[in-house]
Amino acid sequence: MLPAIVVATLPRLTRAIQQLAMHPDDDAAYTLADELTGITAMVAEKFTNDRTADGIQKALQLTTGCVSLGLEHAVPGDDDLAALDLLIDEGAEHAFQIGFRMIKDLAALPEDTLVGEYDTDPVYAARRLREKFIDICQTDPNQNWDGAARYALQFRQRKEVQAVVRLANWLRRHNTDGPVSDADLNAEGVIALAVIFAVEGGGHIVARTGQKEFERFVKAVRKNKPDYEAGWAELVARVPVQHHPVLLERIDSYRQTCTVLQNIKGRTAMKTLFAELENYAGSELDADYS
């Protein structure tokens, strides 16, 4: 059996500094070392314990990761000499600020489609920023580091969540019976209600409902037997085009799997249908009979 091939993935900062051995420049080396020392001291003061050796070591690891993240963004690819040139020409602080802004952007994106009041609280926002900074940037300069790849994955995932949340907020603002402005948001629940109720037709937007209105809806669908596709087309026509990718994906999913829509046409009891609707709408459904 052949031995496994281990590919070293050092932080971009480490790889750029290694270029100094092949392209010696004492002035650049001293300047870079001085800059990195200053950044590390700042990170130690703000994010670790700057009074202990462990705190300083952790700050160095975070600095290395954050500068590396900035370099990966500013100089994509494997040209480590170009990364070194950027460090010399623009400074390590410049690369660090690029990386830190990327972390701030990531931490500001919603992690989940269940959005609560705490998500906009500045204290919690600062805590999330610190946790994400440590999660992505902490690294051992002599060990493999995948922070840039993890950042790219998490950023893509959170942008997808953000798209869902933005659609739900638009639906709430344009709810036919009046805007819904609760601080807590179950984005998937809002979209579920809009997609399910759209099959009745008429172009109405339903982002919040109760049991009484649901019963009316079920009776109307059973009596009139509307064209589901026509109702969905009316909903799509009303929603801005930037939200269409999420909306169309959800419509396709509900077209195939939504038990509420599948069972409305039969003789399923109203109580059972409402219980199924709760599974889709969650906290966006008013369970009171009103």
C-alpha atoms as a PDB file:
ATOM      1  CA  MET A   1       0.000   0.000   0.000  1.00  0.00           C
ATOM      2  CA  LEU A   2       1.339   3.418  -0.921  1.00  0.00           C
ATOM      3  CA  PRO A   3       1.713   5.939   1.903  1.00  0.00           C
ATOM      4  CA  ALA A   4      -0.892   8.673   2.115  1.00  0.00           C
ATOM      5  CA  ILE A   5       0.119  11.948   0.532  1.00  0.00           C
ATOM      6  CA  VAL A   6      -0.121  14.786   3.020  1.00  0.00           C
ATOM      7  CA  VAL A   7      -0.383  18.238   1.506  1.00  0.00           C
ATOM      8  CA  ALA A   8       0.639  21.050   3.836  1.00  0.00           C
ATOM      9  CA  THR A   9      -1.719  24.016   3.844  1.00  0.00           C
ATOM     10  CA  LEU A  10       0.018  26.753   5.770  1.00  0.00           C
ATOM     11  CA  PRO A  11      -1.620  30.110   6.459  1.00  0.00           C
ATOM     12  CA  ARG A  12      -1.081  32.569   3.600  1.00  0.00           C
ATOM     13  CA  LEU A  13       0.838  34.913   5.888  1.00  0.00           C
ATOM     14  CA  THR A  14       3.305  32.168   6.774  1.00  0.00           C
ATOM     15  CA  ARG A  15       3.758  31.280   3.115  1.00  0.00           C
ATOM     16  CA  ALA A  16       4.302  34.928   2.192  1.00  0.00           C
ATOM     17  CA  ILE A  17       6.906  35.384   4.923  1.00  0.00           C
ATOM     18  CA  GLN A  18       8.705  32.288   3.669  1.00  0.00           C
ATOM     19  CA  GLN A  19       9.252  34.179   0.430  1.00  0.00           C
ATOM     20  CA  LEU A  20      11.539  36.558   2.318  1.00  0.00           C
ATOM     21  CA  ALA A  21      14.099  33.757   2.627  1.00  0.00           C
ATOM     22  CA  MET A  22      14.292  33.556  -1.173  1.00  0.00           C
ATOM     23  CA  HIS A  23      13.970  37.317  -1.693  1.00  0.00           C
ATOM     24  CA  PRO A  24      15.829  38.873   1.278  1.00  0.00           C
ATOM     25  CA  ASP A  25      14.878  42.426   2.213  1.00  0.00           C
ATOM     26  CA  ASP A  26      15.941  43.387   5.718  1.00  0.00           C
ATOM     27  CA  ASP A  27      14.036  46.678   5.806  1.00  0.00           C
ATOM     28  CA  ALA A  28      10.830  45.002   4.658  1.00  0.00           C
ATOM     29  CA  ALA A  29      11.312  42.181   7.158  1.00  0.00           C
ATOM     30  CA  TYR A  30      11.796  44.574  10.077  1.00  0.00           C
ATOM     31  CA  THR A  31       8.814  46.695   9.051  1.00  0.00           C
ATOM     32  CA  LEU A  32       6.585  43.649   8.631  1.00  0.00           C
ATOM     33  CA  ALA A  33       7.661  42.220  11.990  1.00  0.00           C
ATOM     34  CA  ASP A  34       6.957  45.547  13.688  1.00  0.00           C
ATOM     35  CA  GLU A  35       3.501  45.774  12.094  1.00  0.00           C
ATOM     36  CA  LEU A  36       2.576  42.224  13.047  1.00  0.00           C
ATOM     37  CA  THR A  37       3.719  42.832  16.606  1.00  0.00           C
ATOM     38  CA  GLY A  38       1.469  45.881  16.864  1.00  0.00           C
ATOM     39  CA  ILE A  39      -1.516  44.043  15.413  1.00  0.00           C
ATOM     40  CA  THR A  40      -0.947  41.116  17.774  1.00  0.00           C
ATOM     41  CA  ALA A  41      -0.849  43.451  20.771  1.00  0.00           C
ATOM     42  CA  MET A  42      -4.149  45.014  19.684  1.00  0.00           C
ATOM     43  CA  VAL A  43      -5.770  41.600  19.181  1.00  0.00           C
ATOM     44  CA  ALA A  44      -4.498  40.452  22.574  1.00  0.00           C
ATOM     45  CA  GLU A  45      -6.037  43.501  24.246  1.00  0.00           C
ATOM     46  CA  LYS A  46      -9.412  43.207  22.535  1.00  0.00           C
ATOM     47  CA  PHE A  47      -9.899  39.470  22.035  1.00  0.00           C
ATOM     48  CA  THR A  48      -7.642  37.555  24.420  1.00  0.00           C
ATOM     49  CA  ASN A  49      -5.911  37.953  27.759  1.00  0.00           C
ATOM     50  CA  ASP A  50      -2.935  40.219  27.044  1.00  0.00           C
ATOM     51  CA  ARG A  51      -1.473  39.545  30.504  1.00  0.00           C
ATOM     52  CA  THR A  52      -0.685  35.874  29.966  1.00  0.00           C
ATOM     53  CA  ALA A  53       1.591  33.960  27.627  1.00  0.00           C
ATOM     54  CA  ASP A  54      -1.387  31.902  26.462  1.00  0.00           C
ATOM     55  CA  GLY A  55      -3.279  35.084  25.622  1.00  0.00           C
ATOM     56  CA  ILE A  56      -0.403  36.494  23.571  1.00  0.00           C
ATOM     57  CA  GLN A  57       0.044  33.176  21.785  1.00  0.00           C
ATOM     58  CA  LYS A  58      -3.658  33.018  20.936  1.00  0.00           C
ATOM     59  CA  ALA A  59      -3.530  36.622  19.719  1.00  0.00           C
ATOM     60  CA  LEU A  60      -0.633  35.719  17.411  1.00  0.00           C
ATOM     61  CA  GLN A  61      -2.649  32.811  16.026  1.00  0.00           C
ATOM     62  CA  LEU A  62      -5.659  35.063  15.430  1.00  0.00           C
ATOM     63  CA  THR A  63      -3.506  37.722  13.791  1.00  0.00           C
ATOM     64  CA  THR A  64      -1.950  35.154  11.484  1.00  0.00           C
ATOM     65  CA  GLY A  65      -5.374  33.828  10.497  1.00  0.00           C
ATOM     66  CA  CYS A  66      -6.963  37.224   9.934  1.00  0.00           C
ATOM     67  CA  VAL A  67      -4.071  38.569   7.867  1.00  0.00           C
ATOM     68  CA  SER A  68      -4.070  35.307   5.906  1.00  0.00           C
ATOM     69  CA  LEU A  69      -7.800  35.628   5.248  1.00  0.00           C
ATOM     70  CA  GLY A  70      -7.250  39.156   3.955  1.00  0.00           C
ATOM     71  CA  LEU A  71      -4.403  37.985   1.728  1.00  0.00           C
ATOM     72  CA  GLU A  72      -6.500  35.133   0.313  1.00  0.00           C
ATOM     73  CA  HIS A  73      -9.166  37.661  -0.637  1.00  0.00           C
ATOM     74  CA  ALA A  74      -6.813  40.337  -1.991  1.00  0.00           C
ATOM     75  CA  VAL A  75      -4.414  37.973  -3.801  1.00  0.00           C
ATOM     76  CA  PRO A  76      -6.374  34.849  -4.813  1.00  0.00           C
ATOM     77  CA  GLY A  77      -4.467  31.860  -6.086  1.00  0.00           C
ATOM     78  CA  ASP A  78      -1.063  30.523  -5.116  1.00  0.00           C
ATOM     79  CA  ASP A  79       1.181  33.481  -5.872  1.00  0.00           C
ATOM     80  CA  ASP A  80       2.754  33.902  -2.440  1.00  0.00           C
ATOM     81  CA  LEU A  81       5.341  36.350  -3.751  1.00  0.00           C
ATOM     82  CA  ALA A  82       2.481  38.627  -4.837  1.00  0.00           C
ATOM     83  CA  ALA A  83       1.047  38.262  -1.320  1.00  0.00           C
ATOM     84  CA  LEU A  84       4.407  39.309   0.126  1.00  0.00           C
ATOM     85  CA  ASP A  85       4.506  42.280  -2.235  1.00  0.00           C
ATOM     86  CA  LEU A  86       1.093  43.369  -0.962  1.00  0.00           C
ATOM     87  CA  LEU A  87       2.301  43.102   2.633  1.00  0.00           C
ATOM     88  CA  ILE A  88       5.352  45.213   1.815  1.00  0.00           C
ATOM     89  CA  ASP A  89       3.554  47.775  -0.361  1.00  0.00           C
ATOM     90  CA  GLU A  90       0.263  48.129   1.544  1.00  0.00           C
ATOM     91  CA  GLY A  91       1.214  46.866   4.991  1.00  0.00           C
ATOM     92  CA  ALA A  92       0.071  44.006   7.190  1.00  0.00           C
ATOM     93  CA  GLU A  93      -2.538  46.289   8.759  1.00  0.00           C
ATOM     94  CA  HIS A  94      -4.190  46.635   5.355  1.00  0.00           C
ATOM     95  CA  ALA A  95      -4.460  42.857   4.948  1.00  0.00           C
ATOM     96  CA  PHE A  96      -5.683  42.475   8.532  1.00  0.00           C
ATOM     97  CA  GLN A  97      -8.429  45.056   7.992  1.00  0.00           C
ATOM     98  CA  ILE A  98      -9.587  43.261   4.830  1.00  0.00           C
ATOM     99  CA  GLY A  99      -9.832  39.999   6.759  1.00  0.00           C
ATOM    100  CA  PHE A 100     -11.556  41.587   9.741  1.00  0.00           C
ATOM    101  CA  ARG A 101     -14.150  43.323   7.550  1.00  0.00           C
ATOM    102  CA  MET A 102     -14.881  39.946   5.969  1.00  0.00           C
ATOM    103  CA  ILE A 103     -15.475  38.486   9.434  1.00  0.00           C
ATOM    104  CA  LYS A 104     -17.752  41.412  10.337  1.00  0.00           C
ATOM    105  CA  ASP A 105     -19.762  40.893   7.166  1.00  0.00           C
ATOM    106  CA  LEU A 106     -20.075  37.179   7.927  1.00  0.00           C
ATOM    107  CA  ALA A 107     -21.122  37.726  11.551  1.00  0.00           C
ATOM    108  CA  ALA A 108     -23.770  40.248  10.459  1.00  0.00           C
ATOM    109  CA  LEU A 109     -25.499  37.724   8.191  1.00  0.00           C
ATOM    110  CA  PRO A 110     -28.323  35.617   9.687  1.00  0.00           C
ATOM    111  CA  GLU A 111     -27.242  32.138  10.695  1.00  0.00           C
ATOM    112  CA  ASP A 112     -30.753  30.737  10.856  1.00  0.00           C
ATOM    113  CA  THR A 113     -34.179  31.448   9.370  1.00  0.00           C
ATOM    114  CA  LEU A 114     -35.511  31.754  12.931  1.00  0.00           C
ATOM    115  CA  VAL A 115     -34.709  35.378  13.710  1.00  0.00           C
ATOM    116  CA  GLY A 116     -35.202  36.781  17.202  1.00  0.00           C
ATOM    117  CA  GLU A 117     -34.980  40.180  18.825  1.00  0.00           C
ATOM    118  CA  TYR A 118     -31.520  39.351  20.195  1.00  0.00           C
ATOM    119  CA  ASP A 119     -30.173  39.092  16.634  1.00  0.00           C
ATOM    120  CA  THR A 120     -30.168  42.889  16.385  1.00  0.00           C
ATOM    121  CA  ASP A 121     -29.014  43.505  19.958  1.00  0.00           C
ATOM    122  CA  PRO A 122     -25.578  45.232  19.911  1.00  0.00           C
ATOM    123  CA  VAL A 123     -24.299  43.200  22.867  1.00  0.00           C
ATOM    124  CA  TYR A 124     -25.115  39.918  21.155  1.00  0.00           C
ATOM    125  CA  ALA A 125     -23.778  41.288  17.861  1.00  0.00           C
ATOM    126  CA  ALA A 126     -20.407  42.019  19.489  1.00  0.00           C
ATOM    127  CA  ARG A 127     -20.354  38.546  21.011  1.00  0.00           C
ATOM    128  CA  ARG A 128     -21.128  36.905  17.665  1.00  0.00           C
ATOM    129  CA  LEU A 129     -18.357  38.924  16.010  1.00  0.00           C
ATOM    130  CA  ARG A 130     -15.821  37.781  18.595  1.00  0.00           C
ATOM    131  CA  GLU A 131     -16.902  34.143  18.333  1.00  0.00           C
ATOM    132  CA  LYS A 132     -16.755  34.199  14.539  1.00  0.00           C
ATOM    133  CA  PHE A 133     -13.369  35.938  14.556  1.00  0.00           C
ATOM    134  CA  ILE A 134     -11.972  33.164  16.742  1.00  0.00           C
ATOM    135  CA  ASP A 135     -13.755  30.410  14.812  1.00  0.00           C
ATOM    136  CA  ILE A 136     -12.350  31.432  11.428  1.00  0.00           C
ATOM    137  CA  CYS A 137      -9.024  33.057  12.248  1.00  0.00           C
ATOM    138  CA  GLN A 138      -7.471  31.046  15.065  1.00  0.00           C
ATOM    139  CA  THR A 139      -4.607  29.027  13.636  1.00  0.00           C
ATOM    140  CA  ASP A 140      -1.228  27.585  14.432  1.00  0.00           C
ATOM    141  CA  PRO A 141       1.221  29.154  11.949  1.00  0.00           C
ATOM    142  CA  ASN A 142       3.004  25.802  11.654  1.00  0.00           C
ATOM    143  CA  GLN A 143      -0.119  23.707  11.099  1.00  0.00           C
ATOM    144  CA  ASN A 144      -2.583  23.254   8.269  1.00  0.00           C
ATOM    145  CA  TRP A 145      -5.206  26.007   8.143  1.00  0.00           C
ATOM    146  CA  ASP A 146      -8.556  25.928   6.350  1.00  0.00           C
ATOM    147  CA  GLY A 147      -9.987  29.225   7.596  1.00  0.00           C
ATOM    148  CA  ALA A 148     -10.442  30.704   4.129  1.00  0.00           C
ATOM    149  CA  ALA A 149     -12.336  27.635   2.912  1.00  0.00           C
ATOM    150  CA  ARG A 150     -14.529  27.574   6.024  1.00  0.00           C
ATOM    151  CA  TYR A 151     -15.213  31.286   5.600  1.00  0.00           C
ATOM    152  CA  ALA A 152     -16.282  30.772   1.973  1.00  0.00           C
ATOM    153  CA  LEU A 153     -18.598  27.896   2.932  1.00  0.00           C
ATOM    154  CA  GLN A 154     -20.196  29.747   5.841  1.00  0.00           C
ATOM    155  CA  PHE A 155     -20.569  32.951   3.823  1.00  0.00           C
ATOM    156  CA  ARG A 156     -22.376  31.078   1.043  1.00  0.00           C
ATOM    157  CA  GLN A 157     -24.645  29.310   3.524  1.00  0.00           C
ATOM    158  CA  ARG A 158     -25.511  32.532   5.325  1.00  0.00           C
ATOM    159  CA  LYS A 159     -26.210  34.398   2.092  1.00  0.00           C
ATOM    160  CA  GLU A 160     -28.724  31.675   1.274  1.00  0.00           C
ATOM    161  CA  VAL A 161     -30.339  32.122   4.689  1.00  0.00           C
ATOM    162  CA  GLN A 162     -30.354  35.895   4.181  1.00  0.00           C
ATOM    163  CA  ALA A 163     -32.232  35.467   0.908  1.00  0.00           C
ATOM    164  CA  VAL A 164     -34.920  33.448   2.713  1.00  0.00           C
ATOM    165  CA  VAL A 165     -35.199  36.035   5.487  1.00  0.00           C
ATOM    166  CA  ARG A 166     -35.446  38.912   3.015  1.00  0.00           C
ATOM    167  CA  LEU A 167     -38.266  37.211   1.113  1.00  0.00           C
ATOM    168  CA  ALA A 168     -40.127  36.569   4.374  1.00  0.00           C
ATOM    169  CA  ASN A 169     -39.728  40.197   5.442  1.00  0.00           C
ATOM    170  CA  TRP A 170     -41.079  41.374   2.086  1.00  0.00           C
ATOM    171  CA  LEU A 171     -44.089  39.076   2.437  1.00  0.00           C
ATOM    172  CA  ARG A 172     -44.697  40.383   5.940  1.00  0.00           C
ATOM    173  CA  ARG A 173     -44.618  43.996   4.806  1.00  0.00           C
ATOM    174  CA  HIS A 174     -47.073  43.225   1.994  1.00  0.00           C
ATOM    175  CA  ASN A 175     -49.411  40.952   3.930  1.00  0.00           C
ATOM    176  CA  THR A 176     -52.867  41.584   2.455  1.00  0.00           C
ATOM    177  CA  ASP A 177     -54.510  42.022   5.866  1.00  0.00           C
ATOM    178  CA  GLY A 178     -51.859  44.517   6.966  1.00  0.00           C
ATOM    179  CA  PRO A 179     -48.125  44.486   7.675  1.00  0.00           C
ATOM    180  CA  VAL A 180     -46.777  42.021  10.247  1.00  0.00           C
ATOM    181  CA  SER A 181     -44.135  43.652  12.436  1.00  0.00           C
ATOM    182  CA  ASP A 182     -43.285  41.190  15.219  1.00  0.00           C
ATOM    183  CA  ALA A 183     -39.635  41.195  16.305  1.00  0.00           C
ATOM    184  CA  ASP A 184     -39.403  37.401  16.100  1.00  0.00           C
ATOM    185  CA  LEU A 185     -39.476  35.896  12.637  1.00  0.00           C
ATOM    186  CA  ASN A 186     -39.878  32.326  11.410  1.00  0.00           C
ATOM    187  CA  ALA A 187     -38.933  33.019   7.800  1.00  0.00           C
ATOM    188  CA  GLU A 188     -39.734  29.553   6.533  1.00  0.00           C
ATOM    189  CA  GLY A 189     -43.115  29.723   8.241  1.00  0.00           C
ATOM    190  CA  VAL A 190     -43.972  32.996   6.534  1.00  0.00           C
ATOM    191  CA  ILE A 191     -43.044  31.636   3.122  1.00  0.00           C
ATOM    192  CA  ALA A 192     -45.009  28.447   3.789  1.00  0.00           C
ATOM    193  CA  LEU A 193     -48.195  30.391   4.513  1.00  0.00           C
ATOM    194  CA  ALA A 194     -47.769  32.557   1.423  1.00  0.00           C
ATOM    195  CA  VAL A 195     -47.211  29.553  -0.854  1.00  0.00           C
ATOM    196  CA  ILE A 196     -50.049  27.484   0.612  1.00  0.00           C
ATOM    197  CA  PHE A 197     -52.656  30.247   0.602  1.00  0.00           C
ATOM    198  CA  ALA A 198     -51.637  31.406  -2.885  1.00  0.00           C
ATOM    199  CA  VAL A 199     -53.285  28.334  -4.447  1.00  0.00           C
ATOM    200  CA  GLU A 200     -56.699  29.879  -3.795  1.00  0.00           C
ATOM    201  CA  GLY A 201     -55.900  32.535  -6.397  1.00  0.00           C
ATOM    202  CA  GLY A 202     -56.670  36.238  -6.357  1.00  0.00           C
ATOM    203  CA  GLY A 203     -53.106  37.416  -5.757  1.00  0.00           C
ATOM    204  CA  HIS A 204     -53.538  37.798  -2.009  1.00  0.00           C
ATOM    205  CA  ILE A 205     -50.419  37.574   0.164  1.00  0.00           C
ATOM    206  CA  VAL A 206     -50.819  35.727   3.451  1.00  0.00           C
ATOM    207  CA  ALA A 207     -47.921  36.026   5.893  1.00  0.00           C
ATOM    208  CA  ARG A 208     -49.910  35.435   9.080  1.00  0.00           C
ATOM    209  CA  THR A 209     -53.230  33.689   9.647  1.00  0.00           C
ATOM    210  CA  GLY A 210     -55.444  32.016  12.236  1.00  0.00           C
ATOM    211  CA  GLN A 211     -57.630  28.972  12.477  1.00  0.00           C
ATOM    212  CA  LYS A 212     -60.822  30.699  11.377  1.00  0.00           C
ATOM    213  CA  GLU A 213     -59.250  32.075   8.192  1.00  0.00           C
ATOM    214  CA  PHE A 214     -57.662  28.709   7.460  1.00  0.00           C
ATOM    215  CA  GLU A 215     -61.023  26.983   7.702  1.00  0.00           C
ATOM    216  CA  ARG A 216     -62.466  29.511   5.242  1.00  0.00           C
ATOM    217  CA  PHE A 217     -59.536  28.865   2.924  1.00  0.00           C
ATOM    218  CA  VAL A 218     -59.983  25.077   3.032  1.00  0.00           C
ATOM    219  CA  LYS A 219     -63.712  25.331   2.302  1.00  0.00           C
ATOM    220  CA  ALA A 220     -63.073  27.700  -0.616  1.00  0.00           C
ATOM    221  CA  VAL A 221     -60.449  25.414  -2.140  1.00  0.00           C
ATOM    222  CA  ARG A 222     -62.699  22.368  -1.794  1.00  0.00           C
ATOM    223  CA  LYS A 223     -65.619  24.182  -3.336  1.00  0.00           C
ATOM    224  CA  ASN A 224     -63.912  26.073  -6.155  1.00  0.00           C
ATOM    225  CA  LYS A 225     -61.111  23.602  -6.967  1.00  0.00           C
ATOM    226  CA  PRO A 226     -58.718  26.367  -8.078  1.00  0.00           C
ATOM    227  CA  ASP A 227     -55.732  25.863 -10.360  1.00  0.00           C
ATOM    228  CA  TYR A 228     -52.775  25.741  -7.982  1.00  0.00           C
ATOM    229  CA  GLU A 229     -50.315  26.702 -10.703  1.00  0.00           C
ATOM    230  CA  ALA A 230     -52.317  29.801 -11.635  1.00  0.00           C
ATOM    231  CA  GLY A 231     -52.392  30.896  -7.993  1.00  0.00           C
ATOM    232  CA  TRP A 232     -48.650  30.466  -7.646  1.00  0.00           C
ATOM    233  CA  ALA A 233     -48.077  32.393 -10.857  1.00  0.00           C
ATOM    234  CA  GLU A 234     -50.084  35.299  -9.418  1.00  0.00           C
ATOM    235  CA  LEU A 235     -47.970  35.232  -6.259  1.00  0.00           C
ATOM    236  CA  VAL A 236     -44.721  35.190  -8.222  1.00  0.00           C
ATOM    237  CA  ALA A 237     -45.942  38.111 -10.338  1.00  0.00           C
ATOM    238  CA  ARG A 238     -46.458  40.213  -7.220  1.00  0.00           C
ATOM    239  CA  VAL A 239     -43.112  39.443  -5.603  1.00  0.00           C
ATOM    240  CA  PRO A 240     -40.023  41.420  -6.743  1.00  0.00           C
ATOM    241  CA  VAL A 241     -37.765  39.516  -9.092  1.00  0.00           C
ATOM    242  CA  GLN A 242     -34.808  39.453  -6.685  1.00  0.00           C
ATOM    243  CA  HIS A 243     -36.827  37.125  -4.419  1.00  0.00           C
ATOM    244  CA  HIS A 244     -37.900  34.760  -7.197  1.00  0.00           C
ATOM    245  CA  PRO A 245     -35.124  32.148  -6.813  1.00  0.00           C
ATOM    246  CA  VAL A 246     -36.129  31.378  -3.216  1.00  0.00           C
ATOM    247  CA  LEU A 247     -39.860  31.630  -3.889  1.00  0.00           C
ATOM    248  CA  LEU A 248     -39.765  29.391  -6.957  1.00  0.00           C
ATOM    249  CA  GLU A 249     -37.683  26.796  -5.116  1.00  0.00           C
ATOM    250  CA  ARG A 250     -40.178  26.718  -2.249  1.00  0.00           C
ATOM    251  CA  ILE A 251     -43.147  26.500  -4.627  1.00  0.00           C
ATOM    252  CA  ASP A 252     -41.533  23.539  -6.363  1.00  0.00           C
ATOM    253  CA  SER A 253     -40.895  21.852  -3.023  1.00  0.00           C
ATOM    254  CA  TYR A 254     -44.450  22.406  -1.778  1.00  0.00           C
ATOM    255  CA  ARG A 255     -45.877  21.303  -5.105  1.00  0.00           C
ATOM    256  CA  GLN A 256     -44.311  17.892  -4.534  1.00  0.00           C
ATOM    257  CA  THR A 257     -44.339  17.374  -0.775  1.00  0.00           C
ATOM    258  CA  CYS A 258     -46.806  19.648   1.065  1.00  0.00           C
ATOM    259  CA  THR A 259     -49.268  17.403   2.895  1.00  0.00           C
ATOM    260  CA  VAL A 260     -51.638  20.312   3.540  1.00  0.00           C
ATOM    261  CA  LEU A 261     -52.103  20.921  -0.172  1.00  0.00           C
ATOM    262  CA  GLN A 262     -52.295  17.213  -0.902  1.00  0.00           C
ATOM    263  CA  ASN A 263     -54.967  16.558   1.734  1.00  0.00           C
ATOM    264  CA  ILE A 264     -57.161  19.632   1.225  1.00  0.00           C
ATOM    265  CA  LYS A 265     -58.736  18.039  -1.822  1.00  0.00           C
ATOM    266  CA  GLY A 266     -59.848  14.987   0.118  1.00  0.00           C
ATOM    267  CA  ARG A 267     -61.941  14.507   3.238  1.00  0.00           C
ATOM    268  CA  THR A 268     -59.210  15.044   5.817  1.00  0.00           C
ATOM    269  CA  ALA A 269     -60.635  16.539   8.990  1.00  0.00           C
ATOM    270  CA  MET A 270     -60.146  20.287   9.516  1.00  0.00           C
ATOM    271  CA  LYS A 271     -58.425  19.665  12.852  1.00  0.00           C
ATOM    272  CA  THR A 272     -55.900  17.381  11.181  1.00  0.00           C
ATOM    273  CA  LEU A 273     -55.248  19.868   8.384  1.00  0.00           C
ATOM    274  CA  PHE A 274     -54.674  22.677  10.861  1.00  0.00           C
ATOM    275  CA  ALA A 275     -52.231  20.516  12.814  1.00  0.00           C
ATOM    276  CA  GLU A 276     -50.359  19.854   9.573  1.00  0.00           C
ATOM    277  CA  LEU A 277     -50.326  23.581   8.795  1.00  0.00           C
ATOM    278  CA  GLU A 278     -48.705  24.199  12.183  1.00  0.00           C
ATOM    279  CA  ASN A 279     -45.840  21.951  11.115  1.00  0.00           C
ATOM    280  CA  TYR A 280     -45.158  24.282   8.186  1.00  0.00           C
ATOM    281  CA  ALA A 281     -45.998  27.695   9.604  1.00  0.00           C
ATOM    282  CA  GLY A 282     -44.792  27.255  13.173  1.00  0.00           C
ATOM    283  CA  SER A 283     -44.863  30.442  15.248  1.00  0.00           C
ATOM    284  CA  GLU A 284     -46.222  32.449  12.306  1.00  0.00           C
ATOM    285  CA  LEU A 285     -49.580  30.748  12.776  1.00  0.00           C
ATOM    286  CA  ASP A 286     -52.063  32.205  15.248  1.00  0.00           C
ATOM    287  CA  ALA A 287     -53.595  29.139  16.875  1.00  0.00           C
ATOM    288  CA  ASP A 288     -56.436  31.094  18.470  1.00  0.00           C
ATOM    289  CA  TYR A 289     -59.828  30.790  16.814  1.00  0.00           C
ATOM    290  CA  SER A 290     -60.239  34.344  15.609  1.00  0.00           C
END
